[in-house]
Amino acid sequence: MSAQPRLLPWSGPAGKPCYLVSDADGEGFLSQLADDMEAVQLRMGSELLDHAGALLGNPKAEPGELRFLSSRLVEALRDALRVAESRGRRLPVSDDDGPVGASEVDE
């Protein structure tokens, strides 16, 4: 069984986070479904960012279009942050509690 529950890329009732506790080491059906959903969310965010660049470059863009774009960008950012949090939690940790391979910054 995995040491820590996986944060899934979708929310439960009332917007609460959903977690997966699995002994399949990322190979189970729900883990694969979550991987696929994360890929879709990140791809959609990237496509939205391209669209935002074009719309923001249009001086004739309507306020309604810009509000709609802003709402979709907020959703995409929320999805991307959830993916980052989920993946960050699954990174291996070294003995000094930092990610494996992370270099120390000299001050």
PDB file of N, CA and C in Angstrom:
ATOM      1  N   MET A   1       0.840  -1.177   0.000  1.00  0.00           N
ATOM      2  CA  MET A   1       0.000   0.000   0.000  1.00  0.00           C
ATOM      3  C   MET A   1       0.886   1.240   0.000  1.00  0.00           C
ATOM      4  N   SER A   2       0.492   2.258  -0.760  1.00  0.00           N
ATOM      5  CA  SER A   2       1.302   3.461  -0.831  1.00  0.00           C
ATOM      6  C   SER A   2       1.279   4.176   0.518  1.00  0.00           C
ATOM      7  N   ALA A   3       2.380   4.866   0.819  1.00  0.00           N
ATOM      8  CA  ALA A   3       2.555   5.497   2.121  1.00  0.00           C
ATOM      9  C   ALA A   3       1.606   6.669   2.322  1.00  0.00           C
ATOM     10  N   GLN A   4       1.294   7.389   1.263  1.00  0.00           N
ATOM     11  CA  GLN A   4       0.477   8.583   1.400  1.00  0.00           C
ATOM     12  C   GLN A   4      -0.636   8.557   0.356  1.00  0.00           C
ATOM     13  N   PRO A   5      -1.840   8.966   0.739  1.00  0.00           N
ATOM     14  CA  PRO A   5      -2.928   9.010  -0.241  1.00  0.00           C
ATOM     15  C   PRO A   5      -2.597   9.965  -1.379  1.00  0.00           C
ATOM     16  N   ARG A   6      -3.049   9.632  -2.570  1.00  0.00           N
ATOM     17  CA  ARG A   6      -2.821  10.465  -3.749  1.00  0.00           C
ATOM     18  C   ARG A   6      -3.967  11.456  -3.883  1.00  0.00           C
ATOM     19  N   LEU A   7      -3.637  12.726  -4.032  1.00  0.00           N
ATOM     20  CA  LEU A   7      -4.625  13.750  -4.317  1.00  0.00           C
ATOM     21  C   LEU A   7      -5.064  13.576  -5.767  1.00  0.00           C
ATOM     22  N   LEU A   8      -6.354  13.387  -5.974  1.00  0.00           N
ATOM     23  CA  LEU A   8      -6.866  13.160  -7.317  1.00  0.00           C
ATOM     24  C   LEU A   8      -7.163  14.487  -8.016  1.00  0.00           C
ATOM     25  N   PRO A   9      -7.180  14.494  -9.349  1.00  0.00           N
ATOM     26  CA  PRO A   9      -7.354  15.742 -10.096  1.00  0.00           C
ATOM     27  C   PRO A   9      -8.804  16.210 -10.205  1.00  0.00           C
ATOM     28  N   TRP A  10      -9.697  15.659  -9.421  1.00  0.00           N
ATOM     29  CA  TRP A  10     -11.079  16.116  -9.406  1.00  0.00           C
ATOM     30  C   TRP A  10     -11.503  16.286  -7.963  1.00  0.00           C
ATOM     31  N   SER A  11     -12.563  17.041  -7.793  1.00  0.00           N
ATOM     32  CA  SER A  11     -13.087  17.319  -6.457  1.00  0.00           C
ATOM     33  C   SER A  11     -14.295  16.450  -6.171  1.00  0.00           C
ATOM     34  N   GLY A  12     -14.555  16.292  -4.901  1.00  0.00           N
ATOM     35  CA  GLY A  12     -15.736  15.561  -4.479  1.00  0.00           C
ATOM     36  C   GLY A  12     -16.888  16.514  -4.233  1.00  0.00           C
ATOM     37  N   PRO A  13     -17.900  16.026  -3.527  1.00  0.00           N
ATOM     38  CA  PRO A  13     -19.045  16.886  -3.203  1.00  0.00           C
ATOM     39  C   PRO A  13     -18.598  18.156  -2.469  1.00  0.00           C
ATOM     40  N   ALA A  14     -19.233  19.244  -2.797  1.00  0.00           N
ATOM     41  CA  ALA A  14     -18.954  20.550  -2.175  1.00  0.00           C
ATOM     42  C   ALA A  14     -17.531  21.020  -2.458  1.00  0.00           C
ATOM     43  N   GLY A  15     -16.896  20.483  -3.508  1.00  0.00           N
ATOM     44  CA  GLY A  15     -15.566  20.944  -3.877  1.00  0.00           C
ATOM     45  C   GLY A  15     -14.439  20.429  -2.998  1.00  0.00           C
ATOM     46  N   LYS A  16     -14.732  19.464  -2.160  1.00  0.00           N
ATOM     47  CA  LYS A  16     -13.703  18.921  -1.264  1.00  0.00           C
ATOM     48  C   LYS A  16     -12.748  18.022  -2.041  1.00  0.00           C
ATOM     49  N   PRO A  17     -11.465  18.002  -1.637  1.00  0.00           N
ATOM     50  CA  PRO A  17     -10.481  17.168  -2.340  1.00  0.00           C
ATOM     51  C   PRO A  17     -10.819  15.675  -2.233  1.00  0.00           C
ATOM     52  N   CYS A  18     -10.447  14.948  -3.273  1.00  0.00           N
ATOM     53  CA  CYS A  18     -10.599  13.488  -3.290  1.00  0.00           C
ATOM     54  C   CYS A  18      -9.203  12.865  -3.237  1.00  0.00           C
ATOM     55  N   TYR A  19      -9.082  11.782  -2.511  1.00  0.00           N
ATOM     56  CA  TYR A  19      -7.811  11.083  -2.372  1.00  0.00           C
ATOM     57  C   TYR A  19      -7.990   9.618  -2.730  1.00  0.00           C
ATOM     58  N   LEU A  20      -6.908   9.020  -3.204  1.00  0.00           N
ATOM     59  CA  LEU A  20      -6.895   7.601  -3.527  1.00  0.00           C
ATOM     60  C   LEU A  20      -5.847   6.922  -2.653  1.00  0.00           C
ATOM     61  N   VAL A  21      -6.283   5.897  -1.946  1.00  0.00           N
ATOM     62  CA  VAL A  21      -5.372   5.050  -1.191  1.00  0.00           C
ATOM     63  C   VAL A  21      -5.325   3.734  -1.947  1.00  0.00           C
ATOM     64  N   SER A  22      -4.140   3.382  -2.431  1.00  0.00           N
ATOM     65  CA  SER A  22      -4.035   2.225  -3.309  1.00  0.00           C
ATOM     66  C   SER A  22      -2.800   1.409  -2.984  1.00  0.00           C
ATOM     67  N   ASP A  23      -2.890   0.114  -3.240  1.00  0.00           N
ATOM     68  CA  ASP A  23      -1.718  -0.744  -3.107  1.00  0.00           C
ATOM     69  C   ASP A  23      -1.207  -1.154  -4.479  1.00  0.00           C
ATOM     70  N   ALA A  24      -1.709  -0.489  -5.529  1.00  0.00           N
ATOM     71  CA  ALA A  24      -1.337  -0.852  -6.894  1.00  0.00           C
ATOM     72  C   ALA A  24      -0.121  -0.084  -7.403  1.00  0.00           C
ATOM     73  N   ASP A  25       0.503   0.743  -6.579  1.00  0.00           N
ATOM     74  CA  ASP A  25       1.688   1.520  -6.968  1.00  0.00           C
ATOM     75  C   ASP A  25       1.505   2.264  -8.284  1.00  0.00           C
ATOM     76  N   GLY A  26       0.371   2.937  -8.421  1.00  0.00           N
ATOM     77  CA  GLY A  26       0.140   3.746  -9.611  1.00  0.00           C
ATOM     78  C   GLY A  26      -0.293   2.964 -10.827  1.00  0.00           C
ATOM     79  N   GLU A  27      -0.525   1.675 -10.687  1.00  0.00           N
ATOM     80  CA  GLU A  27      -0.895   0.848 -11.834  1.00  0.00           C
ATOM     81  C   GLU A  27      -2.370   0.485 -11.856  1.00  0.00           C
ATOM     82  N   GLY A  28      -3.126   0.887 -10.844  1.00  0.00           N
ATOM     83  CA  GLY A  28      -4.546   0.551 -10.790  1.00  0.00           C
ATOM     84  C   GLY A  28      -5.370   1.405 -11.737  1.00  0.00           C
ATOM     85  N   PHE A  29      -6.627   0.994 -11.911  1.00  0.00           N
ATOM     86  CA  PHE A  29      -7.532   1.687 -12.821  1.00  0.00           C
ATOM     87  C   PHE A  29      -7.690   3.158 -12.450  1.00  0.00           C
ATOM     88  N   LEU A  30      -7.964   3.456 -11.177  1.00  0.00           N
ATOM     89  CA  LEU A  30      -8.172   4.847 -10.775  1.00  0.00           C
ATOM     90  C   LEU A  30      -6.900   5.678 -10.894  1.00  0.00           C
ATOM     91  N   SER A  31      -5.758   5.085 -10.637  1.00  0.00           N
ATOM     92  CA  SER A  31      -4.491   5.808 -10.809  1.00  0.00           C
ATOM     93  C   SER A  31      -4.273   6.169 -12.269  1.00  0.00           C
ATOM     94  N   GLN A  32      -4.553   5.237 -13.160  1.00  0.00           N
ATOM     95  CA  GLN A  32      -4.414   5.499 -14.597  1.00  0.00           C
ATOM     96  C   GLN A  32      -5.420   6.547 -15.061  1.00  0.00           C
ATOM     97  N   LEU A  33      -6.645   6.467 -14.544  1.00  0.00           N
ATOM     98  CA  LEU A  33      -7.664   7.457 -14.878  1.00  0.00           C
ATOM     99  C   LEU A  33      -7.226   8.846 -14.405  1.00  0.00           C
ATOM    100  N   ALA A  34      -6.666   8.923 -13.207  1.00  0.00           N
ATOM    101  CA  ALA A  34      -6.177  10.199 -12.679  1.00  0.00           C
ATOM    102  C   ALA A  34      -5.021  10.728 -13.523  1.00  0.00           C
ATOM    103  N   ASP A  35      -4.109   9.852 -13.937  1.00  0.00           N
ATOM    104  CA  ASP A  35      -3.005  10.268 -14.812  1.00  0.00           C
ATOM    105  C   ASP A  35      -3.527  10.843 -16.122  1.00  0.00           C
ATOM    106  N   ASP A  36      -4.523  10.158 -16.698  1.00  0.00           N
ATOM    107  CA  ASP A  36      -5.109  10.627 -17.952  1.00  0.00           C
ATOM    108  C   ASP A  36      -5.800  11.973 -17.764  1.00  0.00           C
ATOM    109  N   MET A  37      -6.521  12.133 -16.657  1.00  0.00           N
ATOM    110  CA  MET A  37      -7.229  13.381 -16.384  1.00  0.00           C
ATOM    111  C   MET A  37      -6.234  14.528 -16.180  1.00  0.00           C
ATOM    112  N   GLU A  38      -5.148  14.267 -15.468  1.00  0.00           N
ATOM    113  CA  GLU A  38      -4.115  15.299 -15.289  1.00  0.00           C
ATOM    114  C   GLU A  38      -3.552  15.733 -16.638  1.00  0.00           C
ATOM    115  N   ALA A  39      -3.296  14.776 -17.513  1.00  0.00           N
ATOM    116  CA  ALA A  39      -2.760  15.106 -18.840  1.00  0.00           C
ATOM    117  C   ALA A  39      -3.741  15.976 -19.618  1.00  0.00           C
ATOM    118  N   VAL A  40      -5.021  15.644 -19.561  1.00  0.00           N
ATOM    119  CA  VAL A  40      -6.049  16.436 -20.245  1.00  0.00           C
ATOM    120  C   VAL A  40      -6.111  17.844 -19.658  1.00  0.00           C
ATOM    121  N   GLN A  41      -6.101  17.938 -18.332  1.00  0.00           N
ATOM    122  CA  GLN A  41      -6.175  19.252 -17.687  1.00  0.00           C
ATOM    123  C   GLN A  41      -4.986  20.125 -18.070  1.00  0.00           C
ATOM    124  N   LEU A  42      -3.803  19.564 -18.068  1.00  0.00           N
ATOM    125  CA  LEU A  42      -2.615  20.348 -18.407  1.00  0.00           C
ATOM    126  C   LEU A  42      -2.608  20.745 -19.881  1.00  0.00           C
ATOM    127  N   ARG A  43      -3.037  19.844 -20.743  1.00  0.00           N
ATOM    128  CA  ARG A  43      -3.111  20.160 -22.172  1.00  0.00           C
ATOM    129  C   ARG A  43      -4.142  21.265 -22.426  1.00  0.00           C
ATOM    130  N   MET A  44      -5.294  21.173 -21.779  1.00  0.00           N
ATOM    131  CA  MET A  44      -6.322  22.197 -21.937  1.00  0.00           C
ATOM    132  C   MET A  44      -5.834  23.548 -21.414  1.00  0.00           C
ATOM    133  N   GLY A  45      -5.096  23.540 -20.315  1.00  0.00           N
ATOM    134  CA  GLY A  45      -4.544  24.781 -19.791  1.00  0.00           C
ATOM    135  C   GLY A  45      -3.558  25.409 -20.753  1.00  0.00           C
ATOM    136  N   SER A  46      -2.759  24.587 -21.390  1.00  0.00           N
ATOM    137  CA  SER A  46      -1.795  25.081 -22.365  1.00  0.00           C
ATOM    138  C   SER A  46      -2.508  25.690 -23.577  1.00  0.00           C
ATOM    139  N   GLU A  47      -3.535  25.008 -24.049  1.00  0.00           N
ATOM    140  CA  GLU A  47      -4.308  25.529 -25.182  1.00  0.00           C
ATOM    141  C   GLU A  47      -5.024  26.825 -24.804  1.00  0.00           C
ATOM    142  N   LEU A  48      -5.533  26.898 -23.596  1.00  0.00           N
ATOM    143  CA  LEU A  48      -6.201  28.110 -23.127  1.00  0.00           C
ATOM    144  C   LEU A  48      -5.219  29.272 -23.044  1.00  0.00           C
ATOM    145  N   LEU A  49      -4.016  28.985 -22.616  1.00  0.00           N
ATOM    146  CA  LEU A  49      -2.990  30.028 -22.539  1.00  0.00           C
ATOM    147  C   LEU A  49      -2.685  30.587 -23.929  1.00  0.00           C
ATOM    148  N   ASP A  50      -2.612  29.722 -24.926  1.00  0.00           N
ATOM    149  CA  ASP A  50      -2.412  30.184 -26.305  1.00  0.00           C
ATOM    150  C   ASP A  50      -3.568  31.079 -26.746  1.00  0.00           C
ATOM    151  N   HIS A  51      -4.788  30.658 -26.422  1.00  0.00           N
ATOM    152  CA  HIS A  51      -5.968  31.446 -26.774  1.00  0.00           C
ATOM    153  C   HIS A  51      -5.954  32.790 -26.045  1.00  0.00           C
ATOM    154  N   ALA A  52      -5.546  32.784 -24.784  1.00  0.00           N
ATOM    155  CA  ALA A  52      -5.492  34.029 -24.005  1.00  0.00           C
ATOM    156  C   ALA A  52      -4.537  35.021 -24.633  1.00  0.00           C
ATOM    157  N   GLY A  53      -3.394  34.539 -25.091  1.00  0.00           N
ATOM    158  CA  GLY A  53      -2.430  35.431 -25.735  1.00  0.00           C
ATOM    159  C   GLY A  53      -3.026  36.107 -26.951  1.00  0.00           C
ATOM    160  N   ALA A  54      -3.759  35.339 -27.734  1.00  0.00           N
ATOM    161  CA  ALA A  54      -4.383  35.905 -28.934  1.00  0.00           C
ATOM    162  C   ALA A  54      -5.483  36.894 -28.565  1.00  0.00           C
ATOM    163  N   LEU A  55      -6.321  36.535 -27.612  1.00  0.00           N
ATOM    164  CA  LEU A  55      -7.425  37.416 -27.229  1.00  0.00           C
ATOM    165  C   LEU A  55      -6.920  38.702 -26.586  1.00  0.00           C
ATOM    166  N   LEU A  56      -5.932  38.587 -25.732  1.00  0.00           N
ATOM    167  CA  LEU A  56      -5.401  39.783 -25.071  1.00  0.00           C
ATOM    168  C   LEU A  56      -4.660  40.694 -26.044  1.00  0.00           C
ATOM    169  N   GLY A  57      -4.213  40.137 -27.149  1.00  0.00           N
ATOM    170  CA  GLY A  57      -3.562  40.937 -28.179  1.00  0.00           C
ATOM    171  C   GLY A  57      -4.550  41.643 -29.099  1.00  0.00           C
ATOM    172  N   ASN A  58      -5.834  41.367 -28.912  1.00  0.00           N
ATOM    173  CA  ASN A  58      -6.871  41.971 -29.742  1.00  0.00           C
ATOM    174  C   ASN A  58      -7.444  43.196 -29.026  1.00  0.00           C
ATOM    175  N   PRO A  59      -7.166  44.404 -29.506  1.00  0.00           N
ATOM    176  CA  PRO A  59      -7.672  45.602 -28.833  1.00  0.00           C
ATOM    177  C   PRO A  59      -9.193  45.724 -28.894  1.00  0.00           C
ATOM    178  N   LYS A  60      -9.845  44.930 -29.738  1.00  0.00           N
ATOM    179  CA  LYS A  60     -11.303  44.990 -29.857  1.00  0.00           C
ATOM    180  C   LYS A  60     -11.999  43.890 -29.061  1.00  0.00           C
ATOM    181  N   ALA A  61     -11.260  43.194 -28.194  1.00  0.00           N
ATOM    182  CA  ALA A  61     -11.860  42.129 -27.391  1.00  0.00           C
ATOM    183  C   ALA A  61     -12.949  42.722 -26.496  1.00  0.00           C
ATOM    184  N   GLU A  62     -14.069  42.042 -26.446  1.00  0.00           N
ATOM    185  CA  GLU A  62     -15.214  42.500 -25.656  1.00  0.00           C
ATOM    186  C   GLU A  62     -15.011  42.174 -24.175  1.00  0.00           C
ATOM    187  N   PRO A  63     -15.564  43.008 -23.284  1.00  0.00           N
ATOM    188  CA  PRO A  63     -15.460  42.728 -21.841  1.00  0.00           C
ATOM    189  C   PRO A  63     -15.993  41.345 -21.457  1.00  0.00           C
ATOM    190  N   GLY A  64     -17.089  40.912 -22.073  1.00  0.00           N
ATOM    191  CA  GLY A  64     -17.636  39.592 -21.772  1.00  0.00           C
ATOM    192  C   GLY A  64     -16.669  38.473 -22.142  1.00  0.00           C
ATOM    193  N   GLU A  65     -15.981  38.641 -23.271  1.00  0.00           N
ATOM    194  CA  GLU A  65     -14.982  37.649 -23.692  1.00  0.00           C
ATOM    195  C   GLU A  65     -13.838  37.586 -22.682  1.00  0.00           C
ATOM    196  N   LEU A  66     -13.426  38.750 -22.208  1.00  0.00           N
ATOM    197  CA  LEU A  66     -12.317  38.807 -21.255  1.00  0.00           C
ATOM    198  C   LEU A  66     -12.713  38.219 -19.901  1.00  0.00           C
ATOM    199  N   ARG A  67     -13.953  38.456 -19.460  1.00  0.00           N
ATOM    200  CA  ARG A  67     -14.428  37.842 -18.208  1.00  0.00           C
ATOM    201  C   ARG A  67     -14.484  36.326 -18.346  1.00  0.00           C
ATOM    202  N   PHE A  68     -14.997  35.857 -19.472  1.00  0.00           N
ATOM    203  CA  PHE A  68     -15.070  34.416 -19.707  1.00  0.00           C
ATOM    204  C   PHE A  68     -13.668  33.812 -19.712  1.00  0.00           C
ATOM    205  N   LEU A  69     -12.744  34.475 -20.411  1.00  0.00           N
ATOM    206  CA  LEU A  69     -11.357  34.016 -20.454  1.00  0.00           C
ATOM    207  C   LEU A  69     -10.767  33.968 -19.051  1.00  0.00           C
ATOM    208  N   SER A  70     -11.017  35.019 -18.261  1.00  0.00           N
ATOM    209  CA  SER A  70     -10.490  35.060 -16.893  1.00  0.00           C
ATOM    210  C   SER A  70     -11.008  33.895 -16.063  1.00  0.00           C
ATOM    211  N   SER A  71     -12.274  33.589 -16.203  1.00  0.00           N
ATOM    212  CA  SER A  71     -12.855  32.466 -15.460  1.00  0.00           C
ATOM    213  C   SER A  71     -12.205  31.143 -15.855  1.00  0.00           C
ATOM    214  N   ARG A  72     -12.012  30.939 -17.152  1.00  0.00           N
ATOM    215  CA  ARG A  72     -11.393  29.691 -17.617  1.00  0.00           C
ATOM    216  C   ARG A  72      -9.926  29.616 -17.179  1.00  0.00           C
ATOM    217  N   LEU A  73      -9.230  30.762 -17.174  1.00  0.00           N
ATOM    218  CA  LEU A  73      -7.834  30.771 -16.714  1.00  0.00           C
ATOM    219  C   LEU A  73      -7.745  30.423 -15.233  1.00  0.00           C
ATOM    220  N   VAL A  74      -8.693  30.914 -14.439  1.00  0.00           N
ATOM    221  CA  VAL A  74      -8.724  30.568 -13.017  1.00  0.00           C
ATOM    222  C   VAL A  74      -8.912  29.065 -12.847  1.00  0.00           C
ATOM    223  N   GLU A  75      -9.839  28.487 -13.605  1.00  0.00           N
ATOM    224  CA  GLU A  75     -10.047  27.036 -13.543  1.00  0.00           C
ATOM    225  C   GLU A  75      -8.794  26.272 -13.942  1.00  0.00           C
ATOM    226  N   ALA A  76      -8.138  26.706 -15.015  1.00  0.00           N
ATOM    227  CA  ALA A  76      -6.933  26.026 -15.494  1.00  0.00           C
ATOM    228  C   ALA A  76      -5.801  26.131 -14.474  1.00  0.00           C
ATOM    229  N   LEU A  77      -5.668  27.297 -13.852  1.00  0.00           N
ATOM    230  CA  LEU A  77      -4.631  27.468 -12.832  1.00  0.00           C
ATOM    231  C   LEU A  77      -4.930  26.591 -11.624  1.00  0.00           C
ATOM    232  N   ARG A  78      -6.183  26.524 -11.222  1.00  0.00           N
ATOM    233  CA  ARG A  78      -6.567  25.665 -10.091  1.00  0.00           C
ATOM    234  C   ARG A  78      -6.231  24.201 -10.396  1.00  0.00           C
ATOM    235  N   ASP A  79      -6.550  23.764 -11.624  1.00  0.00           N
ATOM    236  CA  ASP A  79      -6.230  22.388 -12.026  1.00  0.00           C
ATOM    237  C   ASP A  79      -4.731  22.141 -12.014  1.00  0.00           C
ATOM    238  N   ALA A  80      -3.961  23.079 -12.570  1.00  0.00           N
ATOM    239  CA  ALA A  80      -2.506  22.908 -12.643  1.00  0.00           C
ATOM    240  C   ALA A  80      -1.884  22.867 -11.243  1.00  0.00           C
ATOM    241  N   LEU A  81      -2.383  23.699 -10.345  1.00  0.00           N
ATOM    242  CA  LEU A  81      -1.863  23.688  -8.974  1.00  0.00           C
ATOM    243  C   LEU A  81      -2.199  22.383  -8.263  1.00  0.00           C
ATOM    244  N   ARG A  82      -3.387  21.838  -8.528  1.00  0.00           N
ATOM    245  CA  ARG A  82      -3.760  20.559  -7.927  1.00  0.00           C
ATOM    246  C   ARG A  82      -2.857  19.439  -8.454  1.00  0.00           C
ATOM    247  N   VAL A  83      -2.572  19.460  -9.759  1.00  0.00           N
ATOM    248  CA  VAL A  83      -1.673  18.465 -10.348  1.00  0.00           C
ATOM    249  C   VAL A  83      -0.281  18.598  -9.726  1.00  0.00           C
ATOM    250  N   ALA A  84       0.202  19.829  -9.607  1.00  0.00           N
ATOM    251  CA  ALA A  84       1.532  20.046  -9.021  1.00  0.00           C
ATOM    252  C   ALA A  84       1.580  19.570  -7.575  1.00  0.00           C
ATOM    253  N   GLU A  85       0.544  19.869  -6.812  1.00  0.00           N
ATOM    254  CA  GLU A  85       0.502  19.424  -5.419  1.00  0.00           C
ATOM    255  C   GLU A  85       0.488  17.902  -5.335  1.00  0.00           C
ATOM    256  N   SER A  86      -0.337  17.278  -6.159  1.00  0.00           N
ATOM    257  CA  SER A  86      -0.435  15.827  -6.154  1.00  0.00           C
ATOM    258  C   SER A  86       0.900  15.182  -6.523  1.00  0.00           C
ATOM    259  N   ARG A  87       1.520  15.684  -7.579  1.00  0.00           N
ATOM    260  CA  ARG A  87       2.793  15.105  -8.012  1.00  0.00           C
ATOM    261  C   ARG A  87       3.906  15.404  -7.020  1.00  0.00           C
ATOM    262  N   GLY A  88       3.875  16.582  -6.425  1.00  0.00           N
ATOM    263  CA  GLY A  88       4.887  16.930  -5.431  1.00  0.00           C
ATOM    264  C   GLY A  88       4.830  16.022  -4.217  1.00  0.00           C
ATOM    265  N   ARG A  89       3.640  15.671  -3.812  1.00  0.00           N
ATOM    266  CA  ARG A  89       3.477  14.766  -2.668  1.00  0.00           C
ATOM    267  C   ARG A  89       4.027  13.376  -2.959  1.00  0.00           C
ATOM    268  N   ARG A  90       4.075  13.022  -4.248  1.00  0.00           N
ATOM    269  CA  ARG A  90       4.523  11.675  -4.620  1.00  0.00           C
ATOM    270  C   ARG A  90       6.009  11.599  -4.944  1.00  0.00           C
ATOM    271  N   LEU A  91       6.712  12.744  -4.865  1.00  0.00           N
ATOM    272  CA  LEU A  91       8.160  12.722  -5.116  1.00  0.00           C
ATOM    273  C   LEU A  91       8.867  11.984  -3.992  1.00  0.00           C
ATOM    274  N   PRO A  92       9.892  11.229  -4.331  1.00  0.00           N
ATOM    275  CA  PRO A  92      10.663  10.581  -3.268  1.00  0.00           C
ATOM    276  C   PRO A  92      11.357  11.639  -2.417  1.00  0.00           C
ATOM    277  N   VAL A  93      11.487  11.346  -1.142  1.00  0.00           N
ATOM    278  CA  VAL A  93      12.104  12.284  -0.206  1.00  0.00           C
ATOM    279  C   VAL A  93      13.421  11.693   0.279  1.00  0.00           C
ATOM    280  N   SER A  94      14.453  12.554   0.327  1.00  0.00           N
ATOM    281  CA  SER A  94      15.761  12.103   0.805  1.00  0.00           C
ATOM    282  C   SER A  94      15.795  12.147   2.328  1.00  0.00           C
ATOM    283  N   ASP A  95      16.915  11.760   2.915  1.00  0.00           N
ATOM    284  CA  ASP A  95      17.058  11.723   4.364  1.00  0.00           C
ATOM    285  C   ASP A  95      16.924  13.095   5.014  1.00  0.00           C
ATOM    286  N   ASP A  96      17.270  14.158   4.277  1.00  0.00           N
ATOM    287  CA  ASP A  96      17.185  15.509   4.851  1.00  0.00           C
ATOM    288  C   ASP A  96      15.835  16.165   4.588  1.00  0.00           C
ATOM    289  N   ASP A  97      14.820  15.367   4.247  1.00  0.00           N
ATOM    290  CA  ASP A  97      13.452  15.826   4.011  1.00  0.00           C
ATOM    291  C   ASP A  97      13.292  16.714   2.794  1.00  0.00           C
ATOM    292  N   GLY A  98      14.265  16.762   1.902  1.00  0.00           N
ATOM    293  CA  GLY A  98      14.129  17.480   0.637  1.00  0.00           C
ATOM    294  C   GLY A  98      13.950  16.473  -0.471  1.00  0.00           C
ATOM    295  N   PRO A  99      13.463  16.908  -1.617  1.00  0.00           N
ATOM    296  CA  PRO A  99      13.310  15.976  -2.732  1.00  0.00           C
ATOM    297  C   PRO A  99      14.651  15.380  -3.152  1.00  0.00           C
ATOM    298  N   VAL A 100      14.639  14.138  -3.561  1.00  0.00           N
ATOM    299  CA  VAL A 100      15.838  13.478  -4.040  1.00  0.00           C
ATOM    300  C   VAL A 100      16.360  14.248  -5.242  1.00  0.00           C
ATOM    301  N   GLY A 101      17.641  14.564  -5.245  1.00  0.00           N
ATOM    302  CA  GLY A 101      18.243  15.260  -6.358  1.00  0.00           C
ATOM    303  C   GLY A 101      18.173  16.764  -6.247  1.00  0.00           C
ATOM    304  N   ALA A 102      17.513  17.276  -5.224  1.00  0.00           N
ATOM    305  CA  ALA A 102      17.445  18.729  -5.058  1.00  0.00           C
ATOM    306  C   ALA A 102      18.791  19.223  -4.545  1.00  0.00           C
ATOM    307  N   SER A 103      19.284  20.272  -5.146  1.00  0.00           N
ATOM    308  CA  SER A 103      20.572  20.814  -4.723  1.00  0.00           C
ATOM    309  C   SER A 103      20.357  21.847  -3.616  1.00  0.00           C
ATOM    310  N   GLU A 104      21.290  21.922  -2.724  1.00  0.00           N
ATOM    311  CA  GLU A 104      21.241  22.900  -1.637  1.00  0.00           C
ATOM    312  C   GLU A 104      21.651  24.251  -2.184  1.00  0.00           C
ATOM    313  N   VAL A 105      21.003  25.285  -1.719  1.00  0.00           N
ATOM    314  CA  VAL A 105      21.344  26.645  -2.125  1.00  0.00           C
ATOM    315  C   VAL A 105      22.231  27.246  -1.047  1.00  0.00           C
ATOM    316  N   ASP A 106      23.428  27.672  -1.449  1.00  0.00           N
ATOM    317  CA  ASP A 106      24.350  28.293  -0.491  1.00  0.00           C
ATOM    318  C   ASP A 106      23.945  29.736  -0.262  1.00  0.00           C
ATOM    319  N   GLU A 107      23.920  30.115   0.984  1.00  0.00           N
ATOM    320  CA  GLU A 107      23.586  31.503   1.294  1.00  0.00           C
ATOM    321  C   GLU A 107      24.811  32.256   1.706  1.00  0.00           C
TER     322      GLU A 107
END
